[in-house]
Amino acid sequence: MEEVDRAIVAGLTADGRMSYTDLAEKVGLSVSAVHQRVRRLEQRGVITGYTARVSYDALELPLTAFVAVRPFDPSQPDDAPERLAHLAEIESCYSVAGEDFYLLLVRVASPADLERVLQEIRTSANVTTRTTVVLSTPYEGRPPRISRDPD
């Protein structure tokens, strides 16, 4: 990826609402050239979407937990993500290496809600869970480090 494209991606990951005018000024191109490059980055799948960052406390979802998931029977079909997709409290599902098969990021309003969701996870996917409750979040959603291509 060219250096200018990297600068565009870095600008948009820092502020997804940055105007084409501000982005053009930042990278030293015309507005139309930046618009074309952004469109190409989207078409190539480098930029996959735009989203808002929200306060989970303000949304009354102050409790965050990571839930490690492992099937009772490792020979059973590996379909936990599909079986859990209906649970809106699961924000992210990561396939992981190690003892566990998946790591889920869960956001809920209370410990009682977490207990309910854990039971739904176990029942829906026929899995065992191990839960880590987040006490605080010093940072999250940081933009990626956009490095240069090696020469």
N, C-alpha and C. Protein backbone atom coordinates (compact mmCIF):
# COMPACT_ATOMS: atom_id res chain seq x y z
N MET A 1 0.86 -1.17 0.00
CA MET A 1 0.00 0.00 0.00
C MET A 1 0.90 1.24 0.00
N GLU A 2 0.54 2.21 -0.80
CA GLU A 2 1.33 3.45 -0.91
C GLU A 2 1.27 4.25 0.39
N GLU A 3 2.28 5.08 0.57
CA GLU A 3 2.36 5.91 1.78
C GLU A 3 1.16 6.84 1.92
N VAL A 4 0.68 7.40 0.82
CA VAL A 4 -0.48 8.30 0.88
C VAL A 4 -1.72 7.53 1.33
N ASP A 5 -1.89 6.31 0.82
CA ASP A 5 -3.02 5.49 1.25
C ASP A 5 -2.92 5.17 2.74
N ARG A 6 -1.72 4.90 3.20
CA ARG A 6 -1.51 4.63 4.62
C ARG A 6 -1.90 5.86 5.45
N ALA A 7 -1.54 7.03 4.97
CA ALA A 7 -1.89 8.27 5.69
C ALA A 7 -3.41 8.47 5.71
N ILE A 8 -4.06 8.14 4.62
CA ILE A 8 -5.53 8.25 4.56
C ILE A 8 -6.16 7.28 5.56
N VAL A 9 -5.70 6.04 5.56
CA VAL A 9 -6.24 5.04 6.49
C VAL A 9 -5.97 5.47 7.93
N ALA A 10 -4.78 5.96 8.21
CA ALA A 10 -4.46 6.42 9.57
C ALA A 10 -5.39 7.57 9.98
N GLY A 11 -5.63 8.50 9.08
CA GLY A 11 -6.52 9.62 9.38
C GLY A 11 -7.93 9.16 9.67
N LEU A 12 -8.44 8.23 8.85
CA LEU A 12 -9.81 7.75 9.04
C LEU A 12 -9.97 6.84 10.24
N THR A 13 -8.92 6.09 10.60
CA THR A 13 -9.04 5.26 11.80
C THR A 13 -9.01 6.12 13.06
N ALA A 14 -8.35 7.26 12.99
CA ALA A 14 -8.35 8.18 14.13
C ALA A 14 -9.67 8.94 14.22
N ASP A 15 -10.25 9.28 13.07
CA ASP A 15 -11.51 10.02 13.03
C ASP A 15 -12.28 9.62 11.77
N GLY A 16 -13.18 8.68 11.92
CA GLY A 16 -13.95 8.17 10.79
C GLY A 16 -14.88 9.19 10.17
N ARG A 17 -15.09 10.32 10.87
CA ARG A 17 -15.96 11.37 10.33
C ARG A 17 -15.16 12.52 9.71
N MET A 18 -13.85 12.33 9.57
CA MET A 18 -13.02 13.39 8.99
C MET A 18 -13.51 13.70 7.58
N SER A 19 -13.67 14.97 7.29
CA SER A 19 -14.15 15.36 5.97
C SER A 19 -13.06 15.11 4.92
N TYR A 20 -13.49 14.96 3.67
CA TYR A 20 -12.53 14.81 2.59
C TYR A 20 -11.62 16.03 2.50
N THR A 21 -12.16 17.19 2.81
CA THR A 21 -11.35 18.42 2.78
C THR A 21 -10.23 18.35 3.82
N ASP A 22 -10.57 17.97 5.05
CA ASP A 22 -9.55 17.87 6.10
C ASP A 22 -8.56 16.76 5.80
N LEU A 23 -9.07 15.66 5.27
CA LEU A 23 -8.20 14.54 4.93
C LEU A 23 -7.25 14.92 3.80
N ALA A 24 -7.76 15.63 2.81
CA ALA A 24 -6.92 16.09 1.69
C ALA A 24 -5.81 17.00 2.20
N GLU A 25 -6.16 17.89 3.11
CA GLU A 25 -5.17 18.81 3.68
C GLU A 25 -4.11 18.03 4.46
N LYS A 26 -4.53 17.02 5.17
CA LYS A 26 -3.62 16.20 5.98
C LYS A 26 -2.61 15.44 5.12
N VAL A 27 -3.08 14.90 3.97
CA VAL A 27 -2.20 14.06 3.15
C VAL A 27 -1.60 14.79 1.96
N GLY A 28 -2.01 16.03 1.74
CA GLY A 28 -1.41 16.83 0.67
C GLY A 28 -1.90 16.52 -0.72
N LEU A 29 -3.17 16.13 -0.85
CA LEU A 29 -3.77 15.87 -2.15
C LEU A 29 -5.02 16.73 -2.31
N SER A 30 -5.57 16.74 -3.52
CA SER A 30 -6.83 17.44 -3.75
C SER A 30 -7.97 16.63 -3.13
N VAL A 31 -9.08 17.30 -2.90
CA VAL A 31 -10.25 16.63 -2.33
C VAL A 31 -10.72 15.49 -3.24
N SER A 32 -10.76 15.74 -4.55
CA SER A 32 -11.22 14.70 -5.48
C SER A 32 -10.27 13.50 -5.49
N ALA A 33 -8.97 13.76 -5.41
CA ALA A 33 -7.99 12.65 -5.38
C ALA A 33 -8.17 11.82 -4.11
N VAL A 34 -8.40 12.48 -2.98
CA VAL A 34 -8.62 11.74 -1.72
C VAL A 34 -9.91 10.93 -1.81
N HIS A 35 -10.96 11.54 -2.37
CA HIS A 35 -12.23 10.84 -2.52
C HIS A 35 -12.04 9.56 -3.35
N GLN A 36 -11.31 9.65 -4.44
CA GLN A 36 -11.06 8.49 -5.29
C GLN A 36 -10.26 7.42 -4.55
N ARG A 37 -9.25 7.86 -3.81
CA ARG A 37 -8.42 6.90 -3.08
C ARG A 37 -9.23 6.20 -1.98
N VAL A 38 -10.08 6.96 -1.29
CA VAL A 38 -10.91 6.34 -0.25
C VAL A 38 -11.85 5.32 -0.88
N ARG A 39 -12.45 5.67 -2.00
CA ARG A 39 -13.35 4.74 -2.69
C ARG A 39 -12.60 3.47 -3.10
N ARG A 40 -11.35 3.62 -3.60
CA ARG A 40 -10.56 2.44 -3.98
C ARG A 40 -10.19 1.60 -2.76
N LEU A 41 -9.86 2.26 -1.65
CA LEU A 41 -9.54 1.54 -0.41
C LEU A 41 -10.76 0.76 0.08
N GLU A 42 -11.94 1.33 -0.09
CA GLU A 42 -13.17 0.62 0.27
C GLU A 42 -13.38 -0.58 -0.66
N GLN A 43 -13.20 -0.38 -1.95
CA GLN A 43 -13.41 -1.45 -2.93
C GLN A 43 -12.42 -2.60 -2.73
N ARG A 44 -11.19 -2.27 -2.30
CA ARG A 44 -10.17 -3.29 -2.06
C ARG A 44 -10.35 -3.99 -0.72
N GLY A 45 -11.27 -3.50 0.08
CA GLY A 45 -11.51 -4.12 1.38
C GLY A 45 -10.57 -3.68 2.48
N VAL A 46 -9.78 -2.63 2.22
CA VAL A 46 -8.91 -2.09 3.26
C VAL A 46 -9.76 -1.35 4.28
N ILE A 47 -10.67 -0.53 3.80
CA ILE A 47 -11.65 0.15 4.66
C ILE A 47 -12.93 -0.65 4.53
N THR A 48 -13.38 -1.22 5.65
CA THR A 48 -14.54 -2.11 5.60
C THR A 48 -15.81 -1.49 6.16
N GLY A 49 -15.71 -0.28 6.70
CA GLY A 49 -16.90 0.37 7.23
C GLY A 49 -16.54 1.52 8.15
N TYR A 50 -17.56 2.19 8.61
CA TYR A 50 -17.41 3.34 9.50
C TYR A 50 -18.38 3.12 10.67
N THR A 51 -17.96 3.48 11.86
CA THR A 51 -18.80 3.23 13.01
C THR A 51 -18.66 4.33 14.05
N ALA A 52 -19.60 4.39 14.97
CA ALA A 52 -19.55 5.36 16.06
C ALA A 52 -19.00 4.67 17.30
N ARG A 53 -18.21 5.38 18.06
CA ARG A 53 -17.77 4.89 19.37
C ARG A 53 -18.77 5.40 20.38
N VAL A 54 -19.20 4.54 21.26
CA VAL A 54 -20.25 4.91 22.21
C VAL A 54 -19.79 4.68 23.64
N SER A 55 -20.48 5.31 24.56
CA SER A 55 -20.27 5.08 25.98
C SER A 55 -21.20 3.97 26.43
N TYR A 56 -20.64 2.86 26.82
CA TYR A 56 -21.48 1.75 27.29
C TYR A 56 -22.15 2.07 28.61
N ASP A 57 -21.51 2.89 29.43
CA ASP A 57 -22.16 3.35 30.67
C ASP A 57 -23.42 4.15 30.33
N ALA A 58 -23.32 5.06 29.35
CA ALA A 58 -24.48 5.86 28.96
C ALA A 58 -25.58 5.00 28.36
N LEU A 59 -25.21 3.88 27.75
CA LEU A 59 -26.20 2.96 27.19
C LEU A 59 -26.71 1.97 28.24
N GLU A 60 -26.29 2.18 29.47
CA GLU A 60 -26.67 1.32 30.60
C GLU A 60 -26.21 -0.12 30.40
N LEU A 61 -24.99 -0.25 29.88
CA LEU A 61 -24.33 -1.54 29.73
C LEU A 61 -22.93 -1.45 30.36
N PRO A 62 -22.87 -1.19 31.67
CA PRO A 62 -21.59 -0.93 32.30
C PRO A 62 -20.73 -2.16 32.58
N LEU A 63 -21.30 -3.36 32.50
CA LEU A 63 -20.55 -4.56 32.84
C LEU A 63 -20.03 -5.22 31.56
N THR A 64 -18.72 -5.33 31.48
CA THR A 64 -18.07 -5.98 30.34
C THR A 64 -17.39 -7.24 30.85
N ALA A 65 -17.50 -8.31 30.10
CA ALA A 65 -16.85 -9.56 30.48
C ALA A 65 -16.32 -10.26 29.24
N PHE A 66 -15.25 -11.01 29.44
CA PHE A 66 -14.73 -11.91 28.42
C PHE A 66 -15.13 -13.32 28.84
N VAL A 67 -15.73 -14.04 27.91
CA VAL A 67 -16.21 -15.38 28.20
C VAL A 67 -15.49 -16.36 27.28
N ALA A 68 -14.66 -17.22 27.88
CA ALA A 68 -13.98 -18.26 27.13
C ALA A 68 -14.93 -19.44 26.99
N VAL A 69 -15.02 -19.98 25.79
CA VAL A 69 -15.97 -21.03 25.47
C VAL A 69 -15.23 -22.27 24.98
N ARG A 70 -15.63 -23.42 25.52
CA ARG A 70 -15.04 -24.69 25.12
C ARG A 70 -16.17 -25.72 25.06
N PRO A 71 -16.24 -26.52 24.00
CA PRO A 71 -17.32 -27.51 23.92
C PRO A 71 -17.12 -28.61 24.97
N PHE A 72 -18.23 -29.15 25.44
CA PHE A 72 -18.15 -30.30 26.35
C PHE A 72 -17.47 -31.45 25.64
N ASP A 73 -17.81 -31.63 24.38
CA ASP A 73 -17.27 -32.73 23.58
C ASP A 73 -16.56 -32.13 22.36
N PRO A 74 -15.21 -32.13 22.37
CA PRO A 74 -14.47 -31.53 21.25
C PRO A 74 -14.76 -32.16 19.89
N SER A 75 -15.35 -33.35 19.87
CA SER A 75 -15.66 -33.98 18.59
C SER A 75 -17.00 -33.50 18.01
N GLN A 76 -17.76 -32.72 18.80
CA GLN A 76 -19.02 -32.20 18.28
C GLN A 76 -18.76 -31.15 17.21
N PRO A 77 -19.73 -30.84 16.36
CA PRO A 77 -19.53 -29.83 15.30
C PRO A 77 -19.10 -28.49 15.91
N ASP A 78 -18.19 -27.83 15.22
CA ASP A 78 -17.68 -26.53 15.67
C ASP A 78 -18.60 -25.43 15.14
N ASP A 79 -19.78 -25.29 15.74
CA ASP A 79 -20.76 -24.33 15.25
C ASP A 79 -21.20 -23.34 16.34
N ALA A 80 -20.39 -23.17 17.36
CA ALA A 80 -20.74 -22.25 18.46
C ALA A 80 -21.05 -20.84 17.97
N PRO A 81 -20.26 -20.25 17.07
CA PRO A 81 -20.59 -18.88 16.64
C PRO A 81 -22.00 -18.78 16.04
N GLU A 82 -22.39 -19.75 15.24
CA GLU A 82 -23.72 -19.74 14.65
C GLU A 82 -24.79 -19.91 15.73
N ARG A 83 -24.54 -20.77 16.69
CA ARG A 83 -25.51 -21.03 17.76
C ARG A 83 -25.67 -19.85 18.70
N LEU A 84 -24.65 -18.97 18.75
CA LEU A 84 -24.67 -17.83 19.68
C LEU A 84 -24.99 -16.50 18.99
N ALA A 85 -25.10 -16.50 17.69
CA ALA A 85 -25.30 -15.25 16.94
C ALA A 85 -26.56 -14.49 17.36
N HIS A 86 -27.54 -15.17 17.89
CA HIS A 86 -28.80 -14.51 18.27
C HIS A 86 -28.68 -13.72 19.58
N LEU A 87 -27.59 -13.88 20.31
CA LEU A 87 -27.43 -13.18 21.59
C LEU A 87 -26.81 -11.80 21.36
N ALA A 88 -27.64 -10.77 21.44
CA ALA A 88 -27.19 -9.41 21.17
C ALA A 88 -26.16 -8.93 22.18
N GLU A 89 -26.11 -9.53 23.35
CA GLU A 89 -25.15 -9.12 24.38
C GLU A 89 -23.72 -9.48 24.00
N ILE A 90 -23.55 -10.40 23.06
CA ILE A 90 -22.20 -10.77 22.60
C ILE A 90 -21.80 -9.77 21.53
N GLU A 91 -20.84 -8.93 21.87
CA GLU A 91 -20.37 -7.91 20.92
C GLU A 91 -19.40 -8.49 19.90
N SER A 92 -18.50 -9.37 20.35
CA SER A 92 -17.49 -9.94 19.47
C SER A 92 -17.28 -11.40 19.81
N CYS A 93 -16.91 -12.18 18.79
CA CYS A 93 -16.60 -13.59 18.97
C CYS A 93 -15.28 -13.85 18.25
N TYR A 94 -14.27 -14.29 19.00
CA TYR A 94 -12.94 -14.54 18.45
C TYR A 94 -12.64 -16.03 18.52
N SER A 95 -12.20 -16.60 17.42
CA SER A 95 -11.68 -17.96 17.43
C SER A 95 -10.24 -17.86 17.93
N VAL A 96 -9.90 -18.67 18.95
CA VAL A 96 -8.59 -18.52 19.59
C VAL A 96 -7.84 -19.83 19.65
N ALA A 97 -6.52 -19.73 19.78
CA ALA A 97 -5.66 -20.90 19.98
C ALA A 97 -5.55 -21.14 21.48
N GLY A 98 -5.27 -22.37 21.85
CA GLY A 98 -5.13 -22.70 23.25
C GLY A 98 -6.22 -23.65 23.69
N GLU A 99 -6.47 -23.70 25.00
CA GLU A 99 -7.46 -24.63 25.54
C GLU A 99 -8.89 -24.30 25.11
N ASP A 100 -9.17 -23.01 25.00
CA ASP A 100 -10.52 -22.58 24.64
C ASP A 100 -10.65 -22.51 23.12
N PHE A 101 -11.89 -22.58 22.65
CA PHE A 101 -12.16 -22.52 21.22
C PHE A 101 -12.50 -21.10 20.79
N TYR A 102 -13.26 -20.39 21.64
CA TYR A 102 -13.70 -19.03 21.31
C TYR A 102 -13.59 -18.15 22.54
N LEU A 103 -13.41 -16.86 22.29
CA LEU A 103 -13.43 -15.86 23.34
C LEU A 103 -14.50 -14.84 22.94
N LEU A 104 -15.46 -14.64 23.82
CA LEU A 104 -16.58 -13.74 23.54
C LEU A 104 -16.43 -12.47 24.36
N LEU A 105 -16.72 -11.33 23.75
CA LEU A 105 -16.80 -10.06 24.46
C LEU A 105 -18.28 -9.78 24.69
N VAL A 106 -18.65 -9.71 25.96
CA VAL A 106 -20.05 -9.57 26.35
C VAL A 106 -20.24 -8.26 27.11
N ARG A 107 -21.33 -7.54 26.81
CA ARG A 107 -21.66 -6.30 27.52
C ARG A 107 -23.10 -6.41 28.01
N VAL A 108 -23.27 -6.19 29.32
CA VAL A 108 -24.58 -6.30 29.93
C VAL A 108 -24.77 -5.22 30.99
N ALA A 109 -26.00 -5.14 31.50
CA ALA A 109 -26.34 -4.10 32.48
C ALA A 109 -25.98 -4.46 33.91
N SER A 110 -25.96 -5.77 34.24
CA SER A 110 -25.79 -6.13 35.65
C SER A 110 -25.22 -7.54 35.78
N PRO A 111 -24.76 -7.88 36.99
CA PRO A 111 -24.32 -9.26 37.22
C PRO A 111 -25.43 -10.28 36.96
N ALA A 112 -26.65 -9.94 37.29
CA ALA A 112 -27.77 -10.86 37.02
C ALA A 112 -27.93 -11.08 35.51
N ASP A 113 -27.77 -10.02 34.73
CA ASP A 113 -27.84 -10.16 33.27
C ASP A 113 -26.69 -11.02 32.75
N LEU A 114 -25.51 -10.84 33.32
CA LEU A 114 -24.37 -11.67 32.91
C LEU A 114 -24.66 -13.14 33.21
N GLU A 115 -25.20 -13.41 34.39
CA GLU A 115 -25.53 -14.78 34.76
C GLU A 115 -26.53 -15.38 33.77
N ARG A 116 -27.54 -14.61 33.39
CA ARG A 116 -28.54 -15.06 32.42
C ARG A 116 -27.90 -15.35 31.06
N VAL A 117 -27.04 -14.45 30.60
CA VAL A 117 -26.38 -14.63 29.30
C VAL A 117 -25.46 -15.85 29.33
N LEU A 118 -24.73 -16.03 30.42
CA LEU A 118 -23.86 -17.21 30.53
C LEU A 118 -24.67 -18.50 30.43
N GLN A 119 -25.82 -18.52 31.06
CA GLN A 119 -26.68 -19.71 30.98
C GLN A 119 -27.17 -19.91 29.55
N GLU A 120 -27.52 -18.83 28.87
CA GLU A 120 -27.97 -18.94 27.47
C GLU A 120 -26.83 -19.42 26.57
N ILE A 121 -25.63 -18.96 26.83
CA ILE A 121 -24.47 -19.40 26.05
C ILE A 121 -24.27 -20.90 26.23
N ARG A 122 -24.27 -21.34 27.48
CA ARG A 122 -24.05 -22.76 27.76
C ARG A 122 -25.13 -23.64 27.13
N THR A 123 -26.37 -23.21 27.25
CA THR A 123 -27.50 -23.99 26.73
C THR A 123 -27.53 -23.97 25.21
N SER A 124 -27.37 -22.81 24.61
CA SER A 124 -27.47 -22.68 23.15
C SER A 124 -26.38 -23.42 22.41
N ALA A 125 -25.14 -23.38 22.95
CA ALA A 125 -24.02 -23.94 22.21
C ALA A 125 -23.48 -25.24 22.80
N ASN A 126 -24.07 -25.71 23.91
CA ASN A 126 -23.61 -26.93 24.56
C ASN A 126 -22.11 -26.84 24.88
N VAL A 127 -21.76 -25.79 25.61
CA VAL A 127 -20.36 -25.50 25.92
C VAL A 127 -20.19 -25.25 27.42
N THR A 128 -18.94 -25.26 27.82
CA THR A 128 -18.56 -24.82 29.15
C THR A 128 -17.95 -23.43 29.01
N THR A 129 -18.07 -22.61 30.04
CA THR A 129 -17.57 -21.23 29.96
C THR A 129 -16.64 -20.94 31.13
N ARG A 130 -15.76 -19.98 30.90
CA ARG A 130 -14.89 -19.42 31.93
C ARG A 130 -14.95 -17.92 31.74
N THR A 131 -15.32 -17.18 32.77
CA THR A 131 -15.63 -15.76 32.62
C THR A 131 -14.63 -14.88 33.37
N THR A 132 -14.23 -13.81 32.71
CA THR A 132 -13.40 -12.78 33.32
C THR A 132 -14.16 -11.47 33.23
N VAL A 133 -14.45 -10.87 34.38
CA VAL A 133 -15.18 -9.60 34.41
C VAL A 133 -14.16 -8.45 34.35
N VAL A 134 -14.43 -7.47 33.50
CA VAL A 134 -13.56 -6.31 33.34
C VAL A 134 -13.84 -5.32 34.46
N LEU A 135 -12.78 -4.91 35.17
CA LEU A 135 -12.94 -3.93 36.25
C LEU A 135 -12.87 -2.50 35.74
N SER A 136 -11.96 -2.25 34.79
CA SER A 136 -11.86 -0.93 34.17
C SER A 136 -11.24 -1.10 32.79
N THR A 137 -11.39 -0.08 31.96
CA THR A 137 -10.86 -0.13 30.60
C THR A 137 -10.00 1.10 30.36
N PRO A 138 -8.69 0.99 30.60
CA PRO A 138 -7.82 2.14 30.37
C PRO A 138 -7.86 2.64 28.93
N TYR A 139 -8.00 1.74 27.97
CA TYR A 139 -8.20 2.13 26.56
C TYR A 139 -8.73 0.94 25.79
N GLU A 140 -9.46 1.24 24.72
CA GLU A 140 -9.94 0.23 23.78
C GLU A 140 -10.27 0.92 22.48
N GLY A 141 -10.37 0.13 21.43
CA GLY A 141 -10.72 0.69 20.13
C GLY A 141 -9.65 1.61 19.57
N ARG A 142 -8.40 1.37 19.96
CA ARG A 142 -7.32 2.22 19.46
C ARG A 142 -7.10 1.97 17.98
N PRO A 143 -6.75 3.02 17.24
CA PRO A 143 -6.47 2.80 15.82
C PRO A 143 -5.23 1.94 15.65
N PRO A 144 -5.18 1.14 14.60
CA PRO A 144 -4.01 0.28 14.39
C PRO A 144 -2.79 1.09 14.01
N ARG A 145 -1.64 0.54 14.28
CA ARG A 145 -0.39 1.16 13.84
C ARG A 145 -0.27 0.89 12.35
N ILE A 146 -0.21 1.94 11.57
CA ILE A 146 -0.12 1.81 10.11
C ILE A 146 1.36 1.91 9.75
N SER A 147 1.98 0.75 9.52
CA SER A 147 3.42 0.73 9.24
C SER A 147 3.69 0.81 7.76
N ARG A 148 4.90 1.16 7.46
CA ARG A 148 5.33 1.23 6.06
C ARG A 148 5.65 -0.15 5.54
N ASP A 149 5.54 -0.32 4.22
CA ASP A 149 5.93 -1.58 3.60
C ASP A 149 7.45 -1.72 3.72
N PRO A 150 7.95 -2.92 4.00
CA PRO A 150 9.41 -3.11 4.02
C PRO A 150 9.97 -2.93 2.61
N ASP A 151 11.11 -2.33 2.54
CA ASP A 151 11.75 -2.11 1.22
C ASP A 151 12.42 -3.33 0.68
